[in-house]
């Protein structure tokens, strides 16, 4: 039986997928269903950065040795002060090399241009788009000489469509996670089953999530990211530390 493990940040964890029926939710859960009931686990948490993957999450994967590793990381690194694309790429490359040695098939997710989705001031949006571009370049460079592949969100039209986005305009919605799962299956050469979502039930759950968790989460998240956004504005170009 094919085993799947998701590493990384809130997207790997499944923030925004409010469907509670196990094992359907999250990127890894929906991929497991899409390739016909394979097993999966998530070693990921919201707010994770590359250091969390390298120093904590990776060790568990090296022990369990899954067949497929899904990795979403970098968004939390890129929006904070002191972001260094080269250091990020080097750390991520080391992680991928170690995963390669386990013979796992590694799929990395890059980031869409979140400035197109979020209602933020133009100066922040321009700088943020540039910073995400640096992140995606670093991710692309990190897979050089490895067997890892990238599932692209920057050029995926559905990454900018409302129905594929959660209320925070950054994370995927249940439809968005389903799209990720089906695209991942296709990328890896699997014939994915087409899961039909109950859209009415999804809308009810989404409204409940916004009322009970979404708004408090967004407030807390925004407060934490303010210093990083201020830093991006001050730097003007949004390059961070490019050394």
C-alpha atoms as a PDB file:
ATOM      1  CA  UNK A   1       0.000   0.000   0.000  1.00  0.00           C
ATOM      2  CA  UNK A   2       1.346   3.412  -0.980  1.00  0.00           C
ATOM      3  CA  UNK A   3       2.075   5.611   2.045  1.00  0.00           C
ATOM      4  CA  UNK A   4       1.922   9.418   1.935  1.00  0.00           C
ATOM      5  CA  UNK A   5       3.363  11.949   4.377  1.00  0.00           C
ATOM      6  CA  UNK A   6       2.827  15.696   4.345  1.00  0.00           C
ATOM      7  CA  UNK A   7       5.556  17.936   5.752  1.00  0.00           C
ATOM      8  CA  UNK A   8       5.735  21.648   6.310  1.00  0.00           C
ATOM      9  CA  UNK A   9       3.356  24.471   7.054  1.00  0.00           C
ATOM     10  CA  UNK A  10      -0.362  25.207   7.287  1.00  0.00           C
ATOM     11  CA  UNK A  11      -1.085  24.093   3.725  1.00  0.00           C
ATOM     12  CA  UNK A  12       0.522  20.715   4.386  1.00  0.00           C
ATOM     13  CA  UNK A  13      -1.485  20.632   7.619  1.00  0.00           C
ATOM     14  CA  UNK A  14      -4.741  21.449   5.836  1.00  0.00           C
ATOM     15  CA  UNK A  15      -5.810  24.887   7.090  1.00  0.00           C
ATOM     16  CA  UNK A  16      -8.848  25.944   5.080  1.00  0.00           C
ATOM     17  CA  UNK A  17     -10.123  22.430   4.449  1.00  0.00           C
ATOM     18  CA  UNK A  18     -13.142  22.426   6.713  1.00  0.00           C
ATOM     19  CA  UNK A  19     -14.501  19.067   5.628  1.00  0.00           C
ATOM     20  CA  UNK A  20     -14.132  16.883   8.722  1.00  0.00           C
ATOM     21  CA  UNK A  21     -14.761  13.450   7.259  1.00  0.00           C
ATOM     22  CA  UNK A  22     -11.585  11.442   7.782  1.00  0.00           C
ATOM     23  CA  UNK A  23      -9.479  10.528   5.871  1.00  0.00           C
ATOM     24  CA  UNK A  24     -10.720  12.935   3.225  1.00  0.00           C
ATOM     25  CA  UNK A  25      -9.402  16.285   4.462  1.00  0.00           C
ATOM     26  CA  UNK A  26      -6.088  17.989   3.674  1.00  0.00           C
ATOM     27  CA  UNK A  27      -3.754  17.694   0.698  1.00  0.00           C
ATOM     28  CA  UNK A  28      -2.401  14.302   1.778  1.00  0.00           C
ATOM     29  CA  UNK A  29      -5.799  12.948   2.810  1.00  0.00           C
ATOM     30  CA  UNK A  30      -7.421  13.875  -0.457  1.00  0.00           C
ATOM     31  CA  UNK A  31      -4.482  12.460  -2.414  1.00  0.00           C
ATOM     32  CA  UNK A  32      -4.815   9.222  -0.475  1.00  0.00           C
ATOM     33  CA  UNK A  33      -8.471   9.053  -1.472  1.00  0.00           C
ATOM     34  CA  UNK A  34      -7.723  10.066  -5.052  1.00  0.00           C
ATOM     35  CA  UNK A  35      -5.336   7.141  -5.491  1.00  0.00           C
ATOM     36  CA  UNK A  36      -7.852   4.760  -3.940  1.00  0.00           C
ATOM     37  CA  UNK A  37      -7.606   4.655  -0.202  1.00  0.00           C
ATOM     38  CA  UNK A  38      -3.882   4.725   0.413  1.00  0.00           C
ATOM     39  CA  UNK A  39      -2.697   5.612   3.936  1.00  0.00           C
ATOM     40  CA  UNK A  40      -1.384   9.038   4.898  1.00  0.00           C
ATOM     41  CA  UNK A  41      -0.113  11.100   7.788  1.00  0.00           C
ATOM     42  CA  UNK A  42       0.627  14.773   8.396  1.00  0.00           C
ATOM     43  CA  UNK A  43       3.820  15.854  10.134  1.00  0.00           C
ATOM     44  CA  UNK A  44       3.137  19.543   9.657  1.00  0.00           C
ATOM     45  CA  UNK A  45       1.816  22.516  11.578  1.00  0.00           C
ATOM     46  CA  UNK A  46       0.694  26.097  10.894  1.00  0.00           C
ATOM     47  CA  UNK A  47       3.519  28.615  11.084  1.00  0.00           C
ATOM     48  CA  UNK A  48       6.267  26.098  10.332  1.00  0.00           C
ATOM     49  CA  UNK A  49       9.438  27.388   8.696  1.00  0.00           C
ATOM     50  CA  UNK A  50      12.292  25.632   6.945  1.00  0.00           C
ATOM     51  CA  UNK A  51      14.143  25.155  10.253  1.00  0.00           C
ATOM     52  CA  UNK A  52      11.145  23.223  11.624  1.00  0.00           C
ATOM     53  CA  UNK A  53      11.224  20.863   8.672  1.00  0.00           C
ATOM     54  CA  UNK A  54      14.988  20.377   8.764  1.00  0.00           C
ATOM     55  CA  UNK A  55      15.360  19.997  12.523  1.00  0.00           C
ATOM     56  CA  UNK A  56      12.122  18.318  13.623  1.00  0.00           C
ATOM     57  CA  UNK A  57       9.729  17.108  10.956  1.00  0.00           C
ATOM     58  CA  UNK A  58      12.278  15.433   8.697  1.00  0.00           C
ATOM     59  CA  UNK A  59      13.498  12.983  11.348  1.00  0.00           C
ATOM     60  CA  UNK A  60      10.083  11.348  11.590  1.00  0.00           C
ATOM     61  CA  UNK A  61       9.961  10.839   7.826  1.00  0.00           C
ATOM     62  CA  UNK A  62      13.411   9.291   7.743  1.00  0.00           C
ATOM     63  CA  UNK A  63      12.123   6.675  10.203  1.00  0.00           C
ATOM     64  CA  UNK A  64       8.748   5.938   8.585  1.00  0.00           C
ATOM     65  CA  UNK A  65      10.095   6.115   4.989  1.00  0.00           C
ATOM     66  CA  UNK A  66       6.845   6.885   3.108  1.00  0.00           C
ATOM     67  CA  UNK A  67       6.490   6.333  -0.619  1.00  0.00           C
ATOM     68  CA  UNK A  68       5.337   9.901  -1.305  1.00  0.00           C
ATOM     69  CA  UNK A  69       6.311  13.084   0.552  1.00  0.00           C
ATOM     70  CA  UNK A  70       4.271  16.240   0.054  1.00  0.00           C
ATOM     71  CA  UNK A  71       6.104  19.387   1.124  1.00  0.00           C
ATOM     72  CA  UNK A  72       4.745  22.906   1.495  1.00  0.00           C
ATOM     73  CA  UNK A  73       7.211  25.324   3.095  1.00  0.00           C
ATOM     74  CA  UNK A  74       8.528  28.850   2.657  1.00  0.00           C
ATOM     75  CA  UNK A  75       5.538  31.134   3.003  1.00  0.00           C
ATOM     76  CA  UNK A  76       6.248  31.807   6.670  1.00  0.00           C
ATOM     77  CA  UNK A  77       9.934  32.336   5.929  1.00  0.00           C
ATOM     78  CA  UNK A  78       9.353  34.775   3.075  1.00  0.00           C
ATOM     79  CA  UNK A  79       7.092  37.215   4.937  1.00  0.00           C
ATOM     80  CA  UNK A  80       9.406  37.678   7.899  1.00  0.00           C
ATOM     81  CA  UNK A  81      12.390  39.915   8.440  1.00  0.00           C
ATOM     82  CA  UNK A  82      15.756  38.446   7.588  1.00  0.00           C
ATOM     83  CA  UNK A  83      14.538  36.189   4.782  1.00  0.00           C
ATOM     84  CA  UNK A  84      17.565  35.000   2.817  1.00  0.00           C
ATOM     85  CA  UNK A  85      16.597  33.164  -0.400  1.00  0.00           C
ATOM     86  CA  UNK A  86      20.002  31.525  -0.763  1.00  0.00           C
ATOM     87  CA  UNK A  87      20.044  30.166   2.785  1.00  0.00           C
ATOM     88  CA  UNK A  88      16.471  28.950   2.385  1.00  0.00           C
ATOM     89  CA  UNK A  89      17.298  27.177  -0.877  1.00  0.00           C
ATOM     90  CA  UNK A  90      20.369  25.511   0.609  1.00  0.00           C
ATOM     91  CA  UNK A  91      18.467  24.250   3.657  1.00  0.00           C
ATOM     92  CA  UNK A  92      15.614  22.977   1.519  1.00  0.00           C
ATOM     93  CA  UNK A  93      18.055  21.275  -0.847  1.00  0.00           C
ATOM     94  CA  UNK A  94      19.605  19.386   2.075  1.00  0.00           C
ATOM     95  CA  UNK A  95      16.150  18.245   3.187  1.00  0.00           C
ATOM     96  CA  UNK A  96      15.285  17.006  -0.302  1.00  0.00           C
ATOM     97  CA  UNK A  97      18.585  15.175  -0.659  1.00  0.00           C
ATOM     98  CA  UNK A  98      17.896  13.285   2.574  1.00  0.00           C
ATOM     99  CA  UNK A  99      14.399  12.427   1.375  1.00  0.00           C
ATOM    100  CA  UNK A 100      15.821  11.251  -1.947  1.00  0.00           C
ATOM    101  CA  UNK A 101      17.965   8.724  -0.094  1.00  0.00           C
ATOM    102  CA  UNK A 102      14.781   7.086   1.231  1.00  0.00           C
ATOM    103  CA  UNK A 103      13.535   6.652  -2.367  1.00  0.00           C
ATOM    104  CA  UNK A 104      10.448   8.723  -1.574  1.00  0.00           C
ATOM    105  CA  UNK A 105       8.809  10.616  -4.419  1.00  0.00           C
ATOM    106  CA  UNK A 106       8.925  14.239  -3.285  1.00  0.00           C
ATOM    107  CA  UNK A 107       6.413  16.863  -4.421  1.00  0.00           C
ATOM    108  CA  UNK A 108       7.025  20.497  -3.472  1.00  0.00           C
ATOM    109  CA  UNK A 109       4.373  23.177  -3.577  1.00  0.00           C
ATOM    110  CA  UNK A 110       5.326  26.711  -4.507  1.00  0.00           C
ATOM    111  CA  UNK A 111       3.272  29.790  -3.655  1.00  0.00           C
ATOM    112  CA  UNK A 112       0.771  31.711  -5.727  1.00  0.00           C
ATOM    113  CA  UNK A 113       0.949  35.506  -6.005  1.00  0.00           C
ATOM    114  CA  UNK A 114      -1.003  36.173  -2.817  1.00  0.00           C
ATOM    115  CA  UNK A 115      -1.035  39.908  -3.583  1.00  0.00           C
ATOM    116  CA  UNK A 116      -3.599  39.148  -6.299  1.00  0.00           C
ATOM    117  CA  UNK A 117      -5.952  37.527  -3.814  1.00  0.00           C
ATOM    118  CA  UNK A 118      -5.629  39.685  -0.698  1.00  0.00           C
ATOM    119  CA  UNK A 119      -7.036  43.213  -0.349  1.00  0.00           C
ATOM    120  CA  UNK A 120      -3.785  44.866   0.734  1.00  0.00           C
ATOM    121  CA  UNK A 121      -2.262  48.284  -0.077  1.00  0.00           C
ATOM    122  CA  UNK A 122      -0.483  48.472  -3.424  1.00  0.00           C
ATOM    123  CA  UNK A 123       3.037  49.079  -2.003  1.00  0.00           C
ATOM    124  CA  UNK A 124       2.758  45.976   0.182  1.00  0.00           C
ATOM    125  CA  UNK A 125       1.263  43.972  -2.658  1.00  0.00           C
ATOM    126  CA  UNK A 126       4.070  44.847  -5.058  1.00  0.00           C
ATOM    127  CA  UNK A 127       6.777  44.086  -2.513  1.00  0.00           C
ATOM    128  CA  UNK A 128       5.055  40.878  -1.404  1.00  0.00           C
ATOM    129  CA  UNK A 129       4.736  39.629  -4.985  1.00  0.00           C
ATOM    130  CA  UNK A 130       8.447  40.218  -5.446  1.00  0.00           C
ATOM    131  CA  UNK A 131       9.238  38.382  -2.223  1.00  0.00           C
ATOM    132  CA  UNK A 132       7.110  35.402  -3.276  1.00  0.00           C
ATOM    133  CA  UNK A 133       8.911  35.424  -6.618  1.00  0.00           C
ATOM    134  CA  UNK A 134      12.214  35.135  -4.765  1.00  0.00           C
ATOM    135  CA  UNK A 135      10.808  32.294  -2.696  1.00  0.00           C
ATOM    136  CA  UNK A 136       9.621  30.382  -5.742  1.00  0.00           C
ATOM    137  CA  UNK A 137      13.000  30.836  -7.420  1.00  0.00           C
ATOM    138  CA  UNK A 138      14.666  29.471  -4.287  1.00  0.00           C
ATOM    139  CA  UNK A 139      12.318  26.482  -4.307  1.00  0.00           C
ATOM    140  CA  UNK A 140      13.071  25.826  -7.960  1.00  0.00           C
ATOM    141  CA  UNK A 141      16.809  26.014  -7.323  1.00  0.00           C
ATOM    142  CA  UNK A 142      16.518  23.685  -4.323  1.00  0.00           C
ATOM    143  CA  UNK A 143      15.458  20.696  -6.432  1.00  0.00           C
ATOM    144  CA  UNK A 144      18.491  20.877  -8.718  1.00  0.00           C
ATOM    145  CA  UNK A 145      20.196  17.496  -8.876  1.00  0.00           C
ATOM    146  CA  UNK A 146      17.355  15.748  -7.026  1.00  0.00           C
ATOM    147  CA  UNK A 147      14.338  13.710  -8.050  1.00  0.00           C
ATOM    148  CA  UNK A 148      11.838  16.123  -6.517  1.00  0.00           C
ATOM    149  CA  UNK A 149       9.163  17.829  -8.607  1.00  0.00           C
ATOM    150  CA  UNK A 150       7.248  21.073  -8.119  1.00  0.00           C
ATOM    151  CA  UNK A 151       3.485  21.444  -8.217  1.00  0.00           C
ATOM    152  CA  UNK A 152       3.077  24.988  -9.483  1.00  0.00           C
ATOM    153  CA  UNK A 153       0.526  27.376  -7.963  1.00  0.00           C
ATOM    154  CA  UNK A 154       1.948  30.632  -9.318  1.00  0.00           C
ATOM    155  CA  UNK A 155       0.743  29.896 -12.874  1.00  0.00           C
ATOM    156  CA  UNK A 156      -2.307  27.820 -11.915  1.00  0.00           C
ATOM    157  CA  UNK A 157      -5.456  29.884 -12.690  1.00  0.00           C
ATOM    158  CA  UNK A 158      -7.459  28.051 -10.027  1.00  0.00           C
ATOM    159  CA  UNK A 159      -5.090  29.364  -7.329  1.00  0.00           C
ATOM    160  CA  UNK A 160      -6.711  32.770  -7.887  1.00  0.00           C
ATOM    161  CA  UNK A 161     -10.362  31.738  -8.147  1.00  0.00           C
ATOM    162  CA  UNK A 162     -12.618  32.326  -5.155  1.00  0.00           C
ATOM    163  CA  UNK A 163     -14.090  28.850  -4.982  1.00  0.00           C
ATOM    164  CA  UNK A 164     -10.630  27.323  -4.700  1.00  0.00           C
ATOM    165  CA  UNK A 165      -9.560  29.673  -1.884  1.00  0.00           C
ATOM    166  CA  UNK A 166     -10.420  29.744   1.801  1.00  0.00           C
ATOM    167  CA  UNK A 167     -11.755  32.825   3.539  1.00  0.00           C
ATOM    168  CA  UNK A 168      -8.234  34.109   4.265  1.00  0.00           C
ATOM    169  CA  UNK A 169      -7.462  34.234   0.510  1.00  0.00           C
ATOM    170  CA  UNK A 170      -4.162  32.403   0.974  1.00  0.00           C
ATOM    171  CA  UNK A 171      -4.968  28.801   1.868  1.00  0.00           C
ATOM    172  CA  UNK A 172      -6.943  26.495  -0.421  1.00  0.00           C
ATOM    173  CA  UNK A 173     -10.605  25.802   0.228  1.00  0.00           C
ATOM    174  CA  UNK A 174     -11.878  22.199   0.252  1.00  0.00           C
ATOM    175  CA  UNK A 175     -12.204  22.469  -3.522  1.00  0.00           C
ATOM    176  CA  UNK A 176      -8.690  23.873  -3.615  1.00  0.00           C
ATOM    177  CA  UNK A 177      -7.258  20.939  -1.677  1.00  0.00           C
ATOM    178  CA  UNK A 178      -9.133  18.553  -3.930  1.00  0.00           C
ATOM    179  CA  UNK A 179      -7.554  20.307  -6.904  1.00  0.00           C
ATOM    180  CA  UNK A 180      -4.094  19.953  -5.302  1.00  0.00           C
ATOM    181  CA  UNK A 181      -4.668  16.253  -4.709  1.00  0.00           C
ATOM    182  CA  UNK A 182      -5.847  15.544  -8.241  1.00  0.00           C
ATOM    183  CA  UNK A 183      -3.017  17.613  -9.763  1.00  0.00           C
ATOM    184  CA  UNK A 184      -0.486  15.793  -7.586  1.00  0.00           C
ATOM    185  CA  UNK A 185      -1.823  12.411  -8.629  1.00  0.00           C
ATOM    186  CA  UNK A 186      -1.547  13.428 -12.276  1.00  0.00           C
ATOM    187  CA  UNK A 187       1.965  14.783 -11.747  1.00  0.00           C
ATOM    188  CA  UNK A 188       3.048  11.453 -10.240  1.00  0.00           C
ATOM    189  CA  UNK A 189       1.387   9.400 -12.958  1.00  0.00           C
ATOM    190  CA  UNK A 190      -1.587   8.080 -10.997  1.00  0.00           C
ATOM    191  CA  UNK A 191      -5.079   7.815 -12.405  1.00  0.00           C
ATOM    192  CA  UNK A 192      -6.994   9.849  -9.828  1.00  0.00           C
ATOM    193  CA  UNK A 193     -10.587   9.137  -8.919  1.00  0.00           C
ATOM    194  CA  UNK A 194     -12.791  12.219  -9.198  1.00  0.00           C
ATOM    195  CA  UNK A 195     -14.122  12.981  -5.706  1.00  0.00           C
ATOM    196  CA  UNK A 196     -17.429  14.836  -5.785  1.00  0.00           C
ATOM    197  CA  UNK A 197     -17.770  17.398  -3.014  1.00  0.00           C
ATOM    198  CA  UNK A 198     -21.042  18.136  -1.285  1.00  0.00           C
ATOM    199  CA  UNK A 199     -20.988  21.869  -1.988  1.00  0.00           C
ATOM    200  CA  UNK A 200     -24.023  22.687   0.158  1.00  0.00           C
ATOM    201  CA  UNK A 201     -22.552  20.891   3.154  1.00  0.00           C
ATOM    202  CA  UNK A 202     -19.179  22.481   2.437  1.00  0.00           C
ATOM    203  CA  UNK A 203     -20.688  25.974   2.523  1.00  0.00           C
ATOM    204  CA  UNK A 204     -22.324  25.271   5.884  1.00  0.00           C
ATOM    205  CA  UNK A 205     -19.084  23.971   7.356  1.00  0.00           C
ATOM    206  CA  UNK A 206     -17.150  26.878   5.876  1.00  0.00           C
ATOM    207  CA  UNK A 207     -19.508  29.408   7.477  1.00  0.00           C
ATOM    208  CA  UNK A 208     -19.166  27.644  10.818  1.00  0.00           C
ATOM    209  CA  UNK A 209     -15.372  27.590  10.517  1.00  0.00           C
ATOM    210  CA  UNK A 210     -15.263  31.317   9.754  1.00  0.00           C
ATOM    211  CA  UNK A 211     -17.452  32.104  12.770  1.00  0.00           C
ATOM    212  CA  UNK A 212     -15.661  29.880  15.272  1.00  0.00           C
ATOM    213  CA  UNK A 213     -12.066  29.669  14.036  1.00  0.00           C
ATOM    214  CA  UNK A 214     -11.437  31.668  10.882  1.00  0.00           C
ATOM    215  CA  UNK A 215     -11.798  35.212  12.203  1.00  0.00           C
ATOM    216  CA  UNK A 216      -9.797  34.651  15.426  1.00  0.00           C
ATOM    217  CA  UNK A 217      -7.125  32.859  13.384  1.00  0.00           C
ATOM    218  CA  UNK A 218      -6.924  35.709  10.856  1.00  0.00           C
ATOM    219  CA  UNK A 219      -6.568  38.350  13.586  1.00  0.00           C
ATOM    220  CA  UNK A 220      -3.858  36.395  15.375  1.00  0.00           C
ATOM    221  CA  UNK A 221      -2.051  35.665  12.121  1.00  0.00           C
ATOM    222  CA  UNK A 222      -2.154  39.257  10.908  1.00  0.00           C
ATOM    223  CA  UNK A 223      -0.729  40.535  14.188  1.00  0.00           C
ATOM    224  CA  UNK A 224       2.211  38.140  13.948  1.00  0.00           C
ATOM    225  CA  UNK A 225       3.000  39.140  10.370  1.00  0.00           C
ATOM    226  CA  UNK A 226       2.871  42.924  10.827  1.00  0.00           C
ATOM    227  CA  UNK A 227       6.622  43.255  11.634  1.00  0.00           C
ATOM    228  CA  UNK A 228       7.473  41.304   8.507  1.00  0.00           C
ATOM    229  CA  UNK A 229       5.228  43.430   6.303  1.00  0.00           C
ATOM    230  CA  UNK A 230       6.739  46.607   7.756  1.00  0.00           C
ATOM    231  CA  UNK A 231      10.181  45.225   6.956  1.00  0.00           C
ATOM    232  CA  UNK A 232       9.153  44.460   3.369  1.00  0.00           C
ATOM    233  CA  UNK A 233       7.871  48.005   2.881  1.00  0.00           C
ATOM    234  CA  UNK A 234      11.023  49.535   4.327  1.00  0.00           C
ATOM    235  CA  UNK A 235      13.197  47.460   2.041  1.00  0.00           C
ATOM    236  CA  UNK A 236      11.195  48.742  -0.896  1.00  0.00           C
ATOM    237  CA  UNK A 237      12.185  46.050  -3.369  1.00  0.00           C
ATOM    238  CA  UNK A 238      11.177  43.285  -0.962  1.00  0.00           C
ATOM    239  CA  UNK A 239      14.374  41.376  -1.546  1.00  0.00           C
ATOM    240  CA  UNK A 240      15.151  40.687   2.066  1.00  0.00           C
ATOM    241  CA  UNK A 241      18.716  39.477   2.625  1.00  0.00           C
ATOM    242  CA  UNK A 242      19.775  38.097  -0.740  1.00  0.00           C
ATOM    243  CA  UNK A 243      23.210  36.949   0.411  1.00  0.00           C
END
